[in-house]
Amino acid sequence: MKIVLIGIFFIAMGIARAEFDSRMSAREMRTQMLFSIIKNIPVGLSTSARE
């Protein structure tokens, strides 16, 4: 359960960061969001492995 919350938190951070740069087009923002989610998957997994 904790892992899910951590994952959601990282995704939300990624979205917030992407939204902050409003000069990006919608497509770029989606790509950025996807990259940040993919980048944070290992972080979430390593955190869950430590639990």
PDB file of N, CA and C in Angstrom:
ATOM      1  N   MET A   1       0.845  -1.207   0.000  1.00  0.00           N
ATOM      2  CA  MET A   1       0.000   0.000   0.000  1.00  0.00           C
ATOM      3  C   MET A   1       0.875   1.250   0.000  1.00  0.00           C
ATOM      4  N   LYS A   2       1.903   1.209   0.840  1.00  0.00           N
ATOM      5  CA  LYS A   2       2.826   2.343   0.953  1.00  0.00           C
ATOM      6  C   LYS A   2       3.493   2.621  -0.393  1.00  0.00           C
ATOM      7  N   ILE A   3       3.850   1.529  -1.090  1.00  0.00           N
ATOM      8  CA  ILE A   3       4.527   1.635  -2.377  1.00  0.00           C
ATOM      9  C   ILE A   3       3.641   2.365  -3.375  1.00  0.00           C
ATOM     10  N   VAL A   4       2.364   2.022  -3.377  1.00  0.00           N
ATOM     11  CA  VAL A   4       1.410   2.648  -4.294  1.00  0.00           C
ATOM     12  C   VAL A   4       1.361   4.143  -4.043  1.00  0.00           C
ATOM     13  N   LEU A   5       1.294   4.529  -2.780  1.00  0.00           N
ATOM     14  CA  LEU A   5       1.247   5.947  -2.420  1.00  0.00           C
ATOM     15  C   LEU A   5       2.512   6.666  -2.866  1.00  0.00           C
ATOM     16  N   ILE A   6       3.654   6.025  -2.683  1.00  0.00           N
ATOM     17  CA  ILE A   6       4.926   6.621  -3.108  1.00  0.00           C
ATOM     18  C   ILE A   6       4.926   6.807  -4.614  1.00  0.00           C
ATOM     19  N   GLY A   7       4.447   5.784  -5.327  1.00  0.00           N
ATOM     20  CA  GLY A   7       4.365   5.858  -6.785  1.00  0.00           C
ATOM     21  C   GLY A   7       3.474   6.997  -7.236  1.00  0.00           C
ATOM     22  N   ILE A   8       2.301   7.112  -6.609  1.00  0.00           N
ATOM     23  CA  ILE A   8       1.366   8.190  -6.939  1.00  0.00           C
ATOM     24  C   ILE A   8       2.012   9.546  -6.669  1.00  0.00           C
ATOM     25  N   PHE A   9       2.729   9.646  -5.572  1.00  0.00           N
ATOM     26  CA  PHE A   9       3.400  10.889  -5.205  1.00  0.00           C
ATOM     27  C   PHE A   9       4.399  11.299  -6.283  1.00  0.00           C
ATOM     28  N   PHE A  10       5.221  10.330  -6.733  1.00  0.00           N
ATOM     29  CA  PHE A  10       6.227  10.624  -7.760  1.00  0.00           C
ATOM     30  C   PHE A  10       5.572  11.027  -9.068  1.00  0.00           C
ATOM     31  N   ILE A  11       4.477  10.329  -9.419  1.00  0.00           N
ATOM     32  CA  ILE A  11       3.755  10.660 -10.652  1.00  0.00           C
ATOM     33  C   ILE A  11       3.194  12.068 -10.551  1.00  0.00           C
ATOM     34  N   ALA A  12       2.604  12.394  -9.392  1.00  0.00           N
ATOM     35  CA  ALA A  12       2.045  13.733  -9.187  1.00  0.00           C
ATOM     36  C   ALA A  12       3.134  14.799  -9.304  1.00  0.00           C
ATOM     37  N   MET A  13       4.306  14.494  -8.757  1.00  0.00           N
ATOM     38  CA  MET A  13       5.429  15.427  -8.854  1.00  0.00           C
ATOM     39  C   MET A  13       5.805  15.646 -10.315  1.00  0.00           C
ATOM     40  N   GLY A  14       5.846  14.560 -11.072  1.00  0.00           N
ATOM     41  CA  GLY A  14       6.177  14.636 -12.489  1.00  0.00           C
ATOM     42  C   GLY A  14       5.165  15.479 -13.245  1.00  0.00           C
ATOM     43  N   ILE A  15       3.874  15.272 -12.931  1.00  0.00           N
ATOM     44  CA  ILE A  15       2.815  16.041 -13.582  1.00  0.00           C
ATOM     45  C   ILE A  15       2.956  17.513 -13.225  1.00  0.00           C
ATOM     46  N   ALA A  16       3.185  17.789 -11.946  1.00  0.00           N
ATOM     47  CA  ALA A  16       3.311  19.179 -11.487  1.00  0.00           C
ATOM     48  C   ALA A  16       4.473  19.871 -12.192  1.00  0.00           C
ATOM     49  N   ARG A  17       5.584  19.124 -12.348  1.00  0.00           N
ATOM     50  CA  ARG A  17       6.751  19.691 -13.005  1.00  0.00           C
ATOM     51  C   ARG A  17       6.454  19.968 -14.474  1.00  0.00           C
ATOM     52  N   ALA A  18       5.741  19.043 -15.126  1.00  0.00           N
ATOM     53  CA  ALA A  18       5.405  19.201 -16.540  1.00  0.00           C
ATOM     54  C   ALA A  18       4.443  20.380 -16.727  1.00  0.00           C
ATOM     55  N   GLU A  19       3.482  20.507 -15.823  1.00  0.00           N
ATOM     56  CA  GLU A  19       2.495  21.588 -15.918  1.00  0.00           C
ATOM     57  C   GLU A  19       3.149  22.938 -15.684  1.00  0.00           C
ATOM     58  N   PHE A  20       4.182  22.941 -14.856  1.00  0.00           N
ATOM     59  CA  PHE A  20       4.846  24.194 -14.497  1.00  0.00           C
ATOM     60  C   PHE A  20       5.431  24.868 -15.727  1.00  0.00           C
ATOM     61  N   ASP A  21       5.975  24.038 -16.647  1.00  0.00           N
ATOM     62  CA  ASP A  21       6.555  24.593 -17.871  1.00  0.00           C
ATOM     63  C   ASP A  21       5.451  24.697 -18.914  1.00  0.00           C
ATOM     64  N   SER A  22       4.688  25.757 -18.858  1.00  0.00           N
ATOM     65  CA  SER A  22       3.508  25.915 -19.703  1.00  0.00           C
ATOM     66  C   SER A  22       3.853  26.245 -21.150  1.00  0.00           C
ATOM     67  N   ARG A  23       5.136  26.513 -21.430  1.00  0.00           N
ATOM     68  CA  ARG A  23       5.538  26.832 -22.794  1.00  0.00           C
ATOM     69  C   ARG A  23       5.523  25.586 -23.667  1.00  0.00           C
ATOM     70  N   MET A  24       5.580  24.414 -23.021  1.00  0.00           N
ATOM     71  CA  MET A  24       5.557  23.164 -23.773  1.00  0.00           C
ATOM     72  C   MET A  24       4.178  22.920 -24.367  1.00  0.00           C
ATOM     73  N   SER A  25       4.156  22.269 -25.513  1.00  0.00           N
ATOM     74  CA  SER A  25       2.883  21.899 -26.123  1.00  0.00           C
ATOM     75  C   SER A  25       2.280  20.736 -25.337  1.00  0.00           C
ATOM     76  N   ALA A  26       1.028  20.438 -25.593  1.00  0.00           N
ATOM     77  CA  ALA A  26       0.343  19.365 -24.869  1.00  0.00           C
ATOM     78  C   ALA A  26       1.036  18.023 -25.121  1.00  0.00           C
ATOM     79  N   ARG A  27       1.505  17.818 -26.361  1.00  0.00           N
ATOM     80  CA  ARG A  27       2.158  16.551 -26.686  1.00  0.00           C
ATOM     81  C   ARG A  27       3.467  16.416 -25.933  1.00  0.00           C
ATOM     82  N   GLU A  28       4.236  17.495 -25.911  1.00  0.00           N
ATOM     83  CA  GLU A  28       5.510  17.480 -25.178  1.00  0.00           C
ATOM     84  C   GLU A  28       5.261  17.217 -23.698  1.00  0.00           C
ATOM     85  N   MET A  29       4.207  17.816 -23.168  1.00  0.00           N
ATOM     86  CA  MET A  29       3.891  17.668 -21.743  1.00  0.00           C
ATOM     87  C   MET A  29       3.574  16.219 -21.425  1.00  0.00           C
ATOM     88  N   ARG A  30       2.784  15.587 -22.326  1.00  0.00           N
ATOM     89  CA  ARG A  30       2.438  14.177 -22.132  1.00  0.00           C
ATOM     90  C   ARG A  30       3.693  13.307 -22.169  1.00  0.00           C
ATOM     91  N   THR A  31       4.560  13.591 -23.128  1.00  0.00           N
ATOM     92  CA  THR A  31       5.821  12.832 -23.254  1.00  0.00           C
ATOM     93  C   THR A  31       6.657  12.990 -21.996  1.00  0.00           C
ATOM     94  N   GLN A  32       6.757  14.242 -21.529  1.00  0.00           N
ATOM     95  CA  GLN A  32       7.524  14.554 -20.321  1.00  0.00           C
ATOM     96  C   GLN A  32       6.964  13.793 -19.130  1.00  0.00           C
ATOM     97  N   MET A  33       5.629  13.769 -19.041  1.00  0.00           N
ATOM     98  CA  MET A  33       4.948  13.105 -17.948  1.00  0.00           C
ATOM     99  C   MET A  33       5.262  11.615 -17.980  1.00  0.00           C
ATOM    100  N   LEU A  34       5.185  11.034 -19.195  1.00  0.00           N
ATOM    101  CA  LEU A  34       5.453   9.617 -19.371  1.00  0.00           C
ATOM    102  C   LEU A  34       6.878   9.288 -18.954  1.00  0.00           C
ATOM    103  N   PHE A  35       7.820  10.134 -19.385  1.00  0.00           N
ATOM    104  CA  PHE A  35       9.224   9.915 -19.037  1.00  0.00           C
ATOM    105  C   PHE A  35       9.428   9.962 -17.530  1.00  0.00           C
ATOM    106  N   SER A  36       8.809  10.929 -16.870  1.00  0.00           N
ATOM    107  CA  SER A  36       8.988  11.054 -15.424  1.00  0.00           C
ATOM    108  C   SER A  36       8.389   9.858 -14.696  1.00  0.00           C
ATOM    109  N   ILE A  37       7.280   9.332 -15.232  1.00  0.00           N
ATOM    110  CA  ILE A  37       6.670   8.145 -14.620  1.00  0.00           C
ATOM    111  C   ILE A  37       7.611   6.954 -14.788  1.00  0.00           C
ATOM    112  N   ILE A  38       8.112   6.757 -16.024  1.00  0.00           N
ATOM    113  CA  ILE A  38       9.015   5.641 -16.305  1.00  0.00           C
ATOM    114  C   ILE A  38      10.283   5.746 -15.465  1.00  0.00           C
ATOM    115  N   LYS A  39      10.804   6.978 -15.348  1.00  0.00           N
ATOM    116  CA  LYS A  39      12.021   7.213 -14.569  1.00  0.00           C
ATOM    117  C   LYS A  39      11.825   6.859 -13.100  1.00  0.00           C
ATOM    118  N   ASN A  40      10.605   7.068 -12.604  1.00  0.00           N
ATOM    119  CA  ASN A  40      10.355   6.860 -11.181  1.00  0.00           C
ATOM    120  C   ASN A  40       9.911   5.448 -10.832  1.00  0.00           C
ATOM    121  N   ILE A  41       9.663   4.616 -11.841  1.00  0.00           N
ATOM    122  CA  ILE A  41       9.289   3.232 -11.561  1.00  0.00           C
ATOM    123  C   ILE A  41      10.404   2.506 -10.796  1.00  0.00           C
ATOM    124  N   PRO A  42      11.673   2.585 -11.250  1.00  0.00           N
ATOM    125  CA  PRO A  42      12.747   1.919 -10.486  1.00  0.00           C
ATOM    126  C   PRO A  42      12.861   2.435  -9.054  1.00  0.00           C
ATOM    127  N   VAL A  43      12.635   3.709  -8.858  1.00  0.00           N
ATOM    128  CA  VAL A  43      12.694   4.301  -7.513  1.00  0.00           C
ATOM    129  C   VAL A  43      11.646   3.647  -6.624  1.00  0.00           C
ATOM    130  N   GLY A  44      10.430   3.526  -7.143  1.00  0.00           N
ATOM    131  CA  GLY A  44       9.339   2.900  -6.396  1.00  0.00           C
ATOM    132  C   GLY A  44       9.635   1.445  -6.103  1.00  0.00           C
ATOM    133  N   LEU A  45      10.205   0.747  -7.085  1.00  0.00           N
ATOM    134  CA  LEU A  45      10.509  -0.677  -6.910  1.00  0.00           C
ATOM    135  C   LEU A  45      11.612  -0.879  -5.874  1.00  0.00           C
ATOM    136  N   SER A  46      12.649  -0.059  -5.937  1.00  0.00           N
ATOM    137  CA  SER A  46      13.747  -0.205  -4.978  1.00  0.00           C
ATOM    138  C   SER A  46      13.272   0.129  -3.570  1.00  0.00           C
ATOM    139  N   THR A  47      12.337   1.076  -3.473  1.00  0.00           N
ATOM    140  CA  THR A  47      11.772   1.429  -2.165  1.00  0.00           C
ATOM    141  C   THR A  47      10.960   0.252  -1.623  1.00  0.00           C
ATOM    142  N   SER A  48      10.185  -0.389  -2.500  1.00  0.00           N
ATOM    143  CA  SER A  48       9.362  -1.516  -2.069  1.00  0.00           C
ATOM    144  C   SER A  48      10.243  -2.712  -1.706  1.00  0.00           C
ATOM    145  N   ALA A  49      11.374  -2.860  -2.379  1.00  0.00           N
ATOM    146  CA  ALA A  49      12.290  -3.966  -2.085  1.00  0.00           C
ATOM    147  C   ALA A  49      12.893  -3.802  -0.690  1.00  0.00           C
ATOM    148  N   ARG A  50      13.077  -2.548  -0.293  1.00  0.00           N
ATOM    149  CA  ARG A  50      13.663  -2.272   1.023  1.00  0.00           C
ATOM    150  C   ARG A  50      12.669  -2.484   2.148  1.00  0.00           C
ATOM    151  N   GLU A  51      11.384  -2.330   1.831  1.00  0.00           N
ATOM    152  CA  GLU A  51      10.327  -2.469   2.871  1.00  0.00           C
ATOM    153  C   GLU A  51      10.366  -3.840   3.535  1.00  0.00           C
TER     154      GLU A  51
END
